[in-house]
Amino acid sequence: MYDTESLNKSLSWNQDDLSRVIEGLNEDGFGVMQSVIPAQICDSMIAEFEKMAEEQISENTADPLKYSNNINTIAMGQHMVRNVMLRNPEMFMPTIDIAPVMAVLDAIIDDTVILEGSSANNAVAVDGNYSRLIHIDSNLAPADPTNTLDVVAFLCMSDFTATNGATRIWPKTHKSGIQIHRDPAYKDKVPPGHVELIAPKGSIAFVLGHTWHQMGENIDHTDRWVLLNHYKRWWIKPSTDYTKCGPQVFEQLTDAQKVLLGFNSIPPKDQVLRYKTLIKVDEIPGGYEEALSN
């Protein structure tokens, strides 16, 4: 349905936008490129998110634990569909390596990065039952931004407003060195100073993995769909092993996507043949089984 090249051509952004985002990430821990993705593409992706969300509930009815977790999360204000780029690779795989995101990653993380996750997320109005954790996404909270481990790109398919569940951000907390969701000093406390991540439909917001944030409360019953693409340094173990994507998906991947899915950072099977984990992109074998066994 899409490919990275055609998707990139449809995007609206420039070097000034990139500079502002990089400055915001370094100074405040977040930044926004406004109105990058065409509205028509946003609408088509939202339609697919809604279809996937319904399918996920149906799929999980056979597993009481999964079904319960899914329903409980929705009841507290969030509907999430994980790994959308595997559910529909033709539509969503091209989003993981679009040019503005890769440019930000190159500027912020001076290292090879991999994909930690790609999830569709909607803020659901739950009329008094809202409960979402203030947290960071990174495994560690480095106080020096040059040691950033993770960056999350928010591809805003809907408007992000103060009343429909826009993410709450605590500026400059990326320099605190504190994992707020694990620190007893902040248990059951909401620290002052947050701002809402307000952005028009089609914007791309970027949040450092160690910036404090929280999913906002939806009080106006309008959808707030976002595609969350989470990236981290290659040597950190991801929560999903995307190298198990299968040959059909592998054959569709660009070189950049193969790197993001971890195909050039598979640990050696035999140190006689290879003793370094990270290999060059052009050293990734062309066949799926060969790439896994390399």
C-alpha atoms as a PDB file:
ATOM      1  CA  MET A   1       0.000   0.000   0.000  1.00  0.00           C
ATOM      2  CA  TYR A   2       2.889   2.338   0.815  1.00  0.00           C
ATOM      3  CA  ASP A   3       6.633   2.209   0.384  1.00  0.00           C
ATOM      4  CA  THR A   4       9.191   4.306   2.222  1.00  0.00           C
ATOM      5  CA  GLU A   5      10.157   6.343  -0.846  1.00  0.00           C
ATOM      6  CA  SER A   6       6.612   7.381  -1.774  1.00  0.00           C
ATOM      7  CA  LEU A   7       5.708   7.984   1.864  1.00  0.00           C
ATOM      8  CA  ASN A   8       8.745  10.238   2.282  1.00  0.00           C
ATOM      9  CA  LYS A   9       7.771  12.247  -0.803  1.00  0.00           C
ATOM     10  CA  SER A  10       4.368  12.967   0.738  1.00  0.00           C
ATOM     11  CA  LEU A  11       5.801  14.384   3.973  1.00  0.00           C
ATOM     12  CA  SER A  12       6.133  18.111   4.667  1.00  0.00           C
ATOM     13  CA  TRP A  13       9.177  19.115   6.729  1.00  0.00           C
ATOM     14  CA  ASN A  14      12.478  20.959   6.347  1.00  0.00           C
ATOM     15  CA  GLN A  15      15.841  21.547   7.986  1.00  0.00           C
ATOM     16  CA  ASP A  16      14.466  24.307  10.232  1.00  0.00           C
ATOM     17  CA  ASP A  17      11.867  21.871  11.600  1.00  0.00           C
ATOM     18  CA  LEU A  18      14.627  19.359  12.283  1.00  0.00           C
ATOM     19  CA  SER A  19      16.782  21.948  14.061  1.00  0.00           C
ATOM     20  CA  ARG A  20      13.885  23.011  16.307  1.00  0.00           C
ATOM     21  CA  VAL A  21      13.136  19.412  17.269  1.00  0.00           C
ATOM     22  CA  ILE A  22      16.771  18.658  18.079  1.00  0.00           C
ATOM     23  CA  GLU A  23      16.997  21.804  20.198  1.00  0.00           C
ATOM     24  CA  GLY A  24      13.786  20.863  22.015  1.00  0.00           C
ATOM     25  CA  LEU A  25      14.983  17.333  22.692  1.00  0.00           C
ATOM     26  CA  ASN A  26      18.299  18.540  24.081  1.00  0.00           C
ATOM     27  CA  GLU A  27      16.815  21.339  26.185  1.00  0.00           C
ATOM     28  CA  ASP A  28      13.398  20.022  27.240  1.00  0.00           C
ATOM     29  CA  GLY A  29      13.387  16.315  26.412  1.00  0.00           C
ATOM     30  CA  PHE A  30      10.766  16.596  23.657  1.00  0.00           C
ATOM     31  CA  GLY A  31      10.033  18.379  20.387  1.00  0.00           C
ATOM     32  CA  VAL A  32       7.342  18.550  17.700  1.00  0.00           C
ATOM     33  CA  MET A  33       7.350  18.774  13.893  1.00  0.00           C
ATOM     34  CA  GLN A  34       3.915  20.096  12.997  1.00  0.00           C
ATOM     35  CA  SER A  35       1.687  18.842  10.172  1.00  0.00           C
ATOM     36  CA  VAL A  36       4.173  16.505   8.492  1.00  0.00           C
ATOM     37  CA  ILE A  37       1.911  13.631   7.375  1.00  0.00           C
ATOM     38  CA  PRO A  38      -0.943  14.327   4.909  1.00  0.00           C
ATOM     39  CA  ALA A  39      -4.451  14.111   6.401  1.00  0.00           C
ATOM     40  CA  GLN A  40      -5.519  11.485   3.851  1.00  0.00           C
ATOM     41  CA  ILE A  41      -2.770   9.122   4.999  1.00  0.00           C
ATOM     42  CA  CYS A  42      -3.670   9.766   8.645  1.00  0.00           C
ATOM     43  CA  ASP A  43      -7.310   8.911   7.971  1.00  0.00           C
ATOM     44  CA  SER A  44      -6.465   5.666   6.174  1.00  0.00           C
ATOM     45  CA  MET A  45      -4.188   4.602   9.016  1.00  0.00           C
ATOM     46  CA  ILE A  46      -6.831   5.431  11.634  1.00  0.00           C
ATOM     47  CA  ALA A  47      -9.324   3.246   9.764  1.00  0.00           C
ATOM     48  CA  GLU A  48      -6.837   0.370   9.890  1.00  0.00           C
ATOM     49  CA  PHE A  49      -6.125   0.994  13.598  1.00  0.00           C
ATOM     50  CA  GLU A  50      -9.839   0.770  14.378  1.00  0.00           C
ATOM     51  CA  LYS A  51     -10.132  -2.469  12.419  1.00  0.00           C
ATOM     52  CA  MET A  52      -7.116  -3.949  14.232  1.00  0.00           C
ATOM     53  CA  ALA A  53      -8.442  -2.850  17.617  1.00  0.00           C
ATOM     54  CA  GLU A  54     -11.715  -4.704  17.048  1.00  0.00           C
ATOM     55  CA  GLU A  55      -9.880  -7.769  15.756  1.00  0.00           C
ATOM     56  CA  GLN A  56      -7.601  -7.766  18.791  1.00  0.00           C
ATOM     57  CA  ILE A  57     -10.526  -7.901  21.205  1.00  0.00           C
ATOM     58  CA  SER A  58     -12.061 -10.773  19.227  1.00  0.00           C
ATOM     59  CA  GLU A  59      -8.746 -12.644  19.097  1.00  0.00           C
ATOM     60  CA  ASN A  60      -8.229 -12.297  22.838  1.00  0.00           C
ATOM     61  CA  THR A  61     -11.619 -13.739  23.819  1.00  0.00           C
ATOM     62  CA  ALA A  62     -10.060 -17.213  23.534  1.00  0.00           C
ATOM     63  CA  ASP A  63      -7.444 -16.302  26.152  1.00  0.00           C
ATOM     64  CA  PRO A  64      -9.050 -15.115  29.426  1.00  0.00           C
ATOM     65  CA  LEU A  65      -5.861 -13.444  30.697  1.00  0.00           C
ATOM     66  CA  LYS A  66      -5.184 -11.535  27.469  1.00  0.00           C
ATOM     67  CA  TYR A  67      -8.844 -10.572  27.202  1.00  0.00           C
ATOM     68  CA  SER A  68      -8.943  -9.361  30.803  1.00  0.00           C
ATOM     69  CA  ASN A  69      -5.753  -7.318  30.394  1.00  0.00           C
ATOM     70  CA  ASN A  70      -7.052  -5.782  27.169  1.00  0.00           C
ATOM     71  CA  ILE A  71     -10.434  -4.839  28.643  1.00  0.00           C
ATOM     72  CA  ASN A  72      -8.910  -3.528  31.888  1.00  0.00           C
ATOM     73  CA  THR A  73      -6.492  -1.285  29.982  1.00  0.00           C
ATOM     74  CA  ILE A  74      -9.330   0.117  27.881  1.00  0.00           C
ATOM     75  CA  ALA A  75     -11.389   0.666  31.046  1.00  0.00           C
ATOM     76  CA  MET A  76      -8.597   2.885  32.432  1.00  0.00           C
ATOM     77  CA  GLY A  77      -8.366   5.047  29.320  1.00  0.00           C
ATOM     78  CA  GLN A  78      -6.064   3.415  26.774  1.00  0.00           C
ATOM     79  CA  HIS A  79      -6.627   1.180  23.758  1.00  0.00           C
ATOM     80  CA  MET A  80      -3.361  -0.154  22.323  1.00  0.00           C
ATOM     81  CA  VAL A  81      -2.608  -2.453  19.401  1.00  0.00           C
ATOM     82  CA  ARG A  82       0.991  -3.675  19.446  1.00  0.00           C
ATOM     83  CA  ASN A  83       3.268  -4.501  16.518  1.00  0.00           C
ATOM     84  CA  VAL A  84       1.062  -2.980  13.840  1.00  0.00           C
ATOM     85  CA  MET A  85       3.939  -3.227  11.330  1.00  0.00           C
ATOM     86  CA  LEU A  86       3.718  -7.016  11.582  1.00  0.00           C
ATOM     87  CA  ARG A  87      -0.085  -7.102  11.457  1.00  0.00           C
ATOM     88  CA  ASN A  88      -0.086  -5.012   8.281  1.00  0.00           C
ATOM     89  CA  PRO A  89       3.473  -4.612   6.962  1.00  0.00           C
ATOM     90  CA  GLU A  90       2.365  -3.164   3.616  1.00  0.00           C
ATOM     91  CA  MET A  91       0.827  -0.162   5.364  1.00  0.00           C
ATOM     92  CA  PHE A  92       2.939   0.325   8.477  1.00  0.00           C
ATOM     93  CA  MET A  93       6.447  -1.024   7.848  1.00  0.00           C
ATOM     94  CA  PRO A  94       7.326   2.081   5.771  1.00  0.00           C
ATOM     95  CA  THR A  95       6.596   4.296   8.793  1.00  0.00           C
ATOM     96  CA  ILE A  96       9.484   2.943  10.855  1.00  0.00           C
ATOM     97  CA  ASP A  97      12.243   4.492   8.712  1.00  0.00           C
ATOM     98  CA  ILE A  98      10.710   7.686   7.327  1.00  0.00           C
ATOM     99  CA  ALA A  99      13.227  10.457   6.701  1.00  0.00           C
ATOM    100  CA  PRO A 100      12.346  12.971   9.460  1.00  0.00           C
ATOM    101  CA  VAL A 101      12.468  10.269  12.122  1.00  0.00           C
ATOM    102  CA  MET A 102      15.764   8.855  10.895  1.00  0.00           C
ATOM    103  CA  ALA A 103      17.248  12.370  10.764  1.00  0.00           C
ATOM    104  CA  VAL A 104      16.316  12.972  14.406  1.00  0.00           C
ATOM    105  CA  LEU A 105      17.696   9.599  15.477  1.00  0.00           C
ATOM    106  CA  ASP A 106      20.973  10.285  13.663  1.00  0.00           C
ATOM    107  CA  ALA A 107      21.306  13.609  15.476  1.00  0.00           C
ATOM    108  CA  ILE A 108      20.349  12.427  18.971  1.00  0.00           C
ATOM    109  CA  ILE A 109      21.780   8.894  19.137  1.00  0.00           C
ATOM    110  CA  ASP A 110      25.242   8.586  17.627  1.00  0.00           C
ATOM    111  CA  ASP A 111      24.896   4.837  17.273  1.00  0.00           C
ATOM    112  CA  THR A 112      23.025   2.133  15.363  1.00  0.00           C
ATOM    113  CA  VAL A 113      19.417   1.957  16.555  1.00  0.00           C
ATOM    114  CA  ILE A 114      16.814  -0.801  16.519  1.00  0.00           C
ATOM    115  CA  LEU A 115      13.052  -0.792  16.840  1.00  0.00           C
ATOM    116  CA  GLU A 116      11.760  -1.484  20.334  1.00  0.00           C
ATOM    117  CA  GLY A 117       8.099  -1.386  19.364  1.00  0.00           C
ATOM    118  CA  SER A 118       5.489  -0.031  16.959  1.00  0.00           C
ATOM    119  CA  SER A 119       2.042   0.379  18.493  1.00  0.00           C
ATOM    120  CA  ALA A 120      -1.213   2.133  17.711  1.00  0.00           C
ATOM    121  CA  ASN A 121      -2.636   3.925  20.731  1.00  0.00           C
ATOM    122  CA  ASN A 122      -5.967   5.631  21.333  1.00  0.00           C
ATOM    123  CA  ALA A 123      -7.014   7.640  24.376  1.00  0.00           C
ATOM    124  CA  VAL A 124     -10.436   6.425  25.463  1.00  0.00           C
ATOM    125  CA  ALA A 125     -12.897   8.527  27.477  1.00  0.00           C
ATOM    126  CA  VAL A 126     -13.773   6.531  30.597  1.00  0.00           C
ATOM    127  CA  ASP A 127     -15.634   9.159  32.637  1.00  0.00           C
ATOM    128  CA  GLY A 128     -13.889   9.060  36.002  1.00  0.00           C
ATOM    129  CA  ASN A 129     -12.030   5.761  35.688  1.00  0.00           C
ATOM    130  CA  TYR A 130      -8.917   7.236  34.064  1.00  0.00           C
ATOM    131  CA  SER A 131      -5.688   5.857  35.523  1.00  0.00           C
ATOM    132  CA  ARG A 132      -2.372   6.062  33.674  1.00  0.00           C
ATOM    133  CA  LEU A 133       1.123   5.915  35.171  1.00  0.00           C
ATOM    134  CA  ILE A 134       3.682   8.724  35.041  1.00  0.00           C
ATOM    135  CA  HIS A 135       6.756   6.934  33.718  1.00  0.00           C
ATOM    136  CA  ILE A 136       9.776   6.840  31.459  1.00  0.00           C
ATOM    137  CA  ASP A 137      10.225   4.393  28.580  1.00  0.00           C
ATOM    138  CA  SER A 138      13.961   3.868  28.956  1.00  0.00           C
ATOM    139  CA  ASN A 139      15.548   1.135  31.078  1.00  0.00           C
ATOM    140  CA  LEU A 140      17.808   3.778  32.644  1.00  0.00           C
ATOM    141  CA  ALA A 141      17.569   7.519  33.293  1.00  0.00           C
ATOM    142  CA  PRO A 142      20.856   9.099  32.194  1.00  0.00           C
ATOM    143  CA  ALA A 143      21.182  12.676  33.431  1.00  0.00           C
ATOM    144  CA  ASP A 144      23.318  13.615  30.421  1.00  0.00           C
ATOM    145  CA  PRO A 145      21.232  13.812  27.197  1.00  0.00           C
ATOM    146  CA  THR A 146      24.255  12.709  25.151  1.00  0.00           C
ATOM    147  CA  ASN A 147      23.796   9.296  26.781  1.00  0.00           C
ATOM    148  CA  THR A 148      20.202   8.953  25.573  1.00  0.00           C
ATOM    149  CA  LEU A 149      19.249   5.298  25.096  1.00  0.00           C
ATOM    150  CA  ASP A 150      15.759   5.600  23.605  1.00  0.00           C
ATOM    151  CA  VAL A 151      13.683   7.960  21.468  1.00  0.00           C
ATOM    152  CA  VAL A 152       9.947   7.588  20.872  1.00  0.00           C
ATOM    153  CA  ALA A 153       8.390   9.057  17.716  1.00  0.00           C
ATOM    154  CA  PHE A 154       4.693   9.943  18.034  1.00  0.00           C
ATOM    155  CA  LEU A 155       3.074   9.913  14.590  1.00  0.00           C
ATOM    156  CA  CYS A 156      -0.060  11.877  15.464  1.00  0.00           C
ATOM    157  CA  MET A 157      -2.849  10.563  13.257  1.00  0.00           C
ATOM    158  CA  SER A 158      -5.415  12.676  15.146  1.00  0.00           C
ATOM    159  CA  ASP A 159      -5.223  16.154  16.629  1.00  0.00           C
ATOM    160  CA  PHE A 160      -3.588  16.118  20.056  1.00  0.00           C
ATOM    161  CA  THR A 161      -5.576  18.464  22.305  1.00  0.00           C
ATOM    162  CA  ALA A 162      -5.786  19.237  26.014  1.00  0.00           C
ATOM    163  CA  THR A 163      -9.169  17.483  26.194  1.00  0.00           C
ATOM    164  CA  ASN A 164      -8.753  14.323  24.100  1.00  0.00           C
ATOM    165  CA  GLY A 165      -5.833  12.676  25.885  1.00  0.00           C
ATOM    166  CA  ALA A 166      -2.737  14.480  24.645  1.00  0.00           C
ATOM    167  CA  THR A 167       0.379  13.105  26.317  1.00  0.00           C
ATOM    168  CA  ARG A 168       1.532  15.022  29.395  1.00  0.00           C
ATOM    169  CA  ILE A 169       5.227  15.893  29.457  1.00  0.00           C
ATOM    170  CA  TRP A 170       7.406  17.109  32.331  1.00  0.00           C
ATOM    171  CA  PRO A 171       9.967  19.345  30.550  1.00  0.00           C
ATOM    172  CA  LYS A 172      13.657  19.015  31.427  1.00  0.00           C
ATOM    173  CA  THR A 173      13.118  15.828  33.456  1.00  0.00           C
ATOM    174  CA  HIS A 174      15.403  14.068  30.970  1.00  0.00           C
ATOM    175  CA  LYS A 175      18.217  15.646  33.012  1.00  0.00           C
ATOM    176  CA  SER A 176      16.885  14.486  36.400  1.00  0.00           C
ATOM    177  CA  GLY A 177      18.464  11.031  36.448  1.00  0.00           C
ATOM    178  CA  ILE A 178      15.231   9.724  38.021  1.00  0.00           C
ATOM    179  CA  GLN A 179      13.085   6.775  36.916  1.00  0.00           C
ATOM    180  CA  ILE A 180       9.917   8.295  38.311  1.00  0.00           C
ATOM    181  CA  HIS A 181       7.773   5.143  38.146  1.00  0.00           C
ATOM    182  CA  ARG A 182      10.350   3.233  40.214  1.00  0.00           C
ATOM    183  CA  ASP A 183      11.247   5.941  42.729  1.00  0.00           C
ATOM    184  CA  PRO A 184       9.442   5.552  46.100  1.00  0.00           C
ATOM    185  CA  ALA A 185       9.651   9.320  46.634  1.00  0.00           C
ATOM    186  CA  TYR A 186       7.119   9.819  43.831  1.00  0.00           C
ATOM    187  CA  LYS A 187       4.738   6.987  44.689  1.00  0.00           C
ATOM    188  CA  ASP A 188       1.117   8.169  44.335  1.00  0.00           C
ATOM    189  CA  LYS A 189       2.302  11.732  43.673  1.00  0.00           C
ATOM    190  CA  VAL A 190       1.792  13.931  40.630  1.00  0.00           C
ATOM    191  CA  PRO A 191       4.711  16.359  40.376  1.00  0.00           C
ATOM    192  CA  PRO A 192       3.922  19.900  39.199  1.00  0.00           C
ATOM    193  CA  GLY A 193       5.073  21.452  35.967  1.00  0.00           C
ATOM    194  CA  HIS A 194       3.702  19.241  33.208  1.00  0.00           C
ATOM    195  CA  VAL A 195       2.630  20.501  29.791  1.00  0.00           C
ATOM    196  CA  GLU A 196       0.307  18.898  27.259  1.00  0.00           C
ATOM    197  CA  LEU A 197       1.814  17.692  24.002  1.00  0.00           C
ATOM    198  CA  ILE A 198      -0.478  19.753  21.776  1.00  0.00           C
ATOM    199  CA  ALA A 199      -0.075  18.993  18.074  1.00  0.00           C
ATOM    200  CA  PRO A 200      -2.247  19.123  14.957  1.00  0.00           C
ATOM    201  CA  LYS A 201      -3.114  16.001  13.018  1.00  0.00           C
ATOM    202  CA  GLY A 202      -0.193  14.728  10.956  1.00  0.00           C
ATOM    203  CA  SER A 203       2.477  16.039  13.316  1.00  0.00           C
ATOM    204  CA  ILE A 204       5.428  13.979  14.512  1.00  0.00           C
ATOM    205  CA  ALA A 205       6.403  14.476  18.143  1.00  0.00           C
ATOM    206  CA  PHE A 206       9.623  13.139  19.610  1.00  0.00           C
ATOM    207  CA  VAL A 207      10.186  12.291  23.282  1.00  0.00           C
ATOM    208  CA  LEU A 208      13.435  11.069  24.797  1.00  0.00           C
ATOM    209  CA  GLY A 209      12.986   7.715  26.492  1.00  0.00           C
ATOM    210  CA  HIS A 210      13.948   9.098  29.905  1.00  0.00           C
ATOM    211  CA  THR A 211      11.648  12.152  29.852  1.00  0.00           C
ATOM    212  CA  TRP A 212       8.796  11.842  32.365  1.00  0.00           C
ATOM    213  CA  HIS A 213       5.449  11.544  30.632  1.00  0.00           C
ATOM    214  CA  GLN A 214       1.922  10.240  31.062  1.00  0.00           C
ATOM    215  CA  MET A 215      -0.952   9.504  28.737  1.00  0.00           C
ATOM    216  CA  GLY A 216      -3.501  12.294  29.162  1.00  0.00           C
ATOM    217  CA  GLU A 217      -7.169  11.948  30.058  1.00  0.00           C
ATOM    218  CA  ASN A 218      -9.772  12.032  27.307  1.00  0.00           C
ATOM    219  CA  ILE A 219     -12.711  14.113  28.511  1.00  0.00           C
ATOM    220  CA  ASP A 220     -14.305  15.106  25.200  1.00  0.00           C
ATOM    221  CA  HIS A 221     -14.911  11.617  23.720  1.00  0.00           C
ATOM    222  CA  THR A 222     -13.050  12.340  20.461  1.00  0.00           C
ATOM    223  CA  ASP A 223     -10.467   9.847  19.228  1.00  0.00           C
ATOM    224  CA  ARG A 224      -6.772  10.533  19.768  1.00  0.00           C
ATOM    225  CA  TRP A 225      -4.958   7.952  17.646  1.00  0.00           C
ATOM    226  CA  VAL A 226      -1.175   7.877  17.467  1.00  0.00           C
ATOM    227  CA  LEU A 227       1.397   5.486  16.034  1.00  0.00           C
ATOM    228  CA  LEU A 228       4.181   5.099  18.598  1.00  0.00           C
ATOM    229  CA  ASN A 229       7.487   3.997  17.089  1.00  0.00           C
ATOM    230  CA  HIS A 230      10.036   3.398  19.849  1.00  0.00           C
ATOM    231  CA  TYR A 231      13.752   3.198  19.022  1.00  0.00           C
ATOM    232  CA  LYS A 232      16.752   2.237  21.159  1.00  0.00           C
ATOM    233  CA  ARG A 233      20.479   1.572  20.857  1.00  0.00           C
ATOM    234  CA  TRP A 234      21.221  -1.725  19.145  1.00  0.00           C
ATOM    235  CA  TRP A 235      22.928  -3.357  22.118  1.00  0.00           C
ATOM    236  CA  ILE A 236      19.862  -3.145  24.371  1.00  0.00           C
ATOM    237  CA  LYS A 237      17.661  -6.228  24.209  1.00  0.00           C
ATOM    238  CA  PRO A 238      14.285  -5.341  22.646  1.00  0.00           C
ATOM    239  CA  SER A 239      10.959  -6.475  24.088  1.00  0.00           C
ATOM    240  CA  THR A 240      10.105  -8.237  20.804  1.00  0.00           C
ATOM    241  CA  ASP A 241      12.478 -10.232  18.606  1.00  0.00           C
ATOM    242  CA  TYR A 242      11.577  -8.805  15.213  1.00  0.00           C
ATOM    243  CA  THR A 243      14.063 -11.068  13.455  1.00  0.00           C
ATOM    244  CA  LYS A 244      11.301 -13.696  13.812  1.00  0.00           C
ATOM    245  CA  CYS A 245       9.158 -11.704  11.361  1.00  0.00           C
ATOM    246  CA  GLY A 246       9.254 -14.522   8.792  1.00  0.00           C
ATOM    247  CA  PRO A 247      10.474 -14.735   5.191  1.00  0.00           C
ATOM    248  CA  GLN A 248       7.472 -12.986   3.636  1.00  0.00           C
ATOM    249  CA  VAL A 249       8.059  -9.822   5.677  1.00  0.00           C
ATOM    250  CA  PHE A 250      11.849 -10.064   5.388  1.00  0.00           C
ATOM    251  CA  GLU A 251      11.692 -10.043   1.591  1.00  0.00           C
ATOM    252  CA  GLN A 252       9.854  -6.695   1.662  1.00  0.00           C
ATOM    253  CA  LEU A 253      12.323  -4.922   3.965  1.00  0.00           C
ATOM    254  CA  THR A 254      14.642  -2.106   2.940  1.00  0.00           C
ATOM    255  CA  ASP A 255      18.210  -2.175   4.239  1.00  0.00           C
ATOM    256  CA  ALA A 256      17.309   0.446   6.854  1.00  0.00           C
ATOM    257  CA  GLN A 257      14.347  -1.643   8.011  1.00  0.00           C
ATOM    258  CA  LYS A 258      16.516  -4.758   8.286  1.00  0.00           C
ATOM    259  CA  VAL A 259      18.797  -2.824  10.639  1.00  0.00           C
ATOM    260  CA  LEU A 260      15.856  -1.539  12.683  1.00  0.00           C
ATOM    261  CA  LEU A 261      14.466  -5.058  13.029  1.00  0.00           C
ATOM    262  CA  GLY A 262      17.837  -6.285  14.282  1.00  0.00           C
ATOM    263  CA  PHE A 263      19.169  -8.289  11.357  1.00  0.00           C
ATOM    264  CA  ASN A 264      22.651  -6.758  11.574  1.00  0.00           C
ATOM    265  CA  SER A 265      22.922  -7.188  15.343  1.00  0.00           C
ATOM    266  CA  ILE A 266      22.159 -10.901  15.821  1.00  0.00           C
ATOM    267  CA  PRO A 267      24.745 -12.395  18.229  1.00  0.00           C
ATOM    268  CA  PRO A 268      27.221 -14.776  16.558  1.00  0.00           C
ATOM    269  CA  LYS A 269      26.322 -18.461  16.528  1.00  0.00           C
ATOM    270  CA  ASP A 270      29.990 -19.449  16.293  1.00  0.00           C
ATOM    271  CA  GLN A 271      32.902 -17.223  17.338  1.00  0.00           C
ATOM    272  CA  VAL A 272      35.193 -19.061  14.950  1.00  0.00           C
ATOM    273  CA  LEU A 273      33.226 -17.640  12.026  1.00  0.00           C
ATOM    274  CA  ARG A 274      32.246 -14.301  13.584  1.00  0.00           C
ATOM    275  CA  TYR A 275      33.033 -12.793  16.961  1.00  0.00           C
ATOM    276  CA  LYS A 276      31.445  -9.331  16.692  1.00  0.00           C
ATOM    277  CA  THR A 277      27.713  -8.862  17.062  1.00  0.00           C
ATOM    278  CA  LEU A 278      27.238  -5.766  14.890  1.00  0.00           C
ATOM    279  CA  ILE A 279      27.837  -6.301  11.182  1.00  0.00           C
ATOM    280  CA  LYS A 280      27.614  -3.983   8.172  1.00  0.00           C
ATOM    281  CA  VAL A 281      24.308  -3.736   6.351  1.00  0.00           C
ATOM    282  CA  ASP A 282      25.747  -5.193   3.156  1.00  0.00           C
ATOM    283  CA  GLU A 283      26.853  -8.255   5.133  1.00  0.00           C
ATOM    284  CA  ILE A 284      23.251  -9.243   5.927  1.00  0.00           C
ATOM    285  CA  PRO A 285      22.500 -12.316   3.766  1.00  0.00           C
ATOM    286  CA  GLY A 286      19.758 -11.915   1.176  1.00  0.00           C
ATOM    287  CA  GLY A 287      17.719 -14.904   2.336  1.00  0.00           C
ATOM    288  CA  TYR A 288      15.728 -14.995   5.565  1.00  0.00           C
ATOM    289  CA  GLU A 289      17.021 -18.308   6.926  1.00  0.00           C
ATOM    290  CA  GLU A 290      20.591 -17.346   6.027  1.00  0.00           C
ATOM    291  CA  ALA A 291      20.185 -13.994   7.792  1.00  0.00           C
ATOM    292  CA  LEU A 292      19.062 -15.769  10.966  1.00  0.00           C
ATOM    293  CA  SER A 293      21.867 -18.312  10.910  1.00  0.00           C
ATOM    294  CA  ASN A 294      24.636 -15.906   9.868  1.00  0.00           C
END
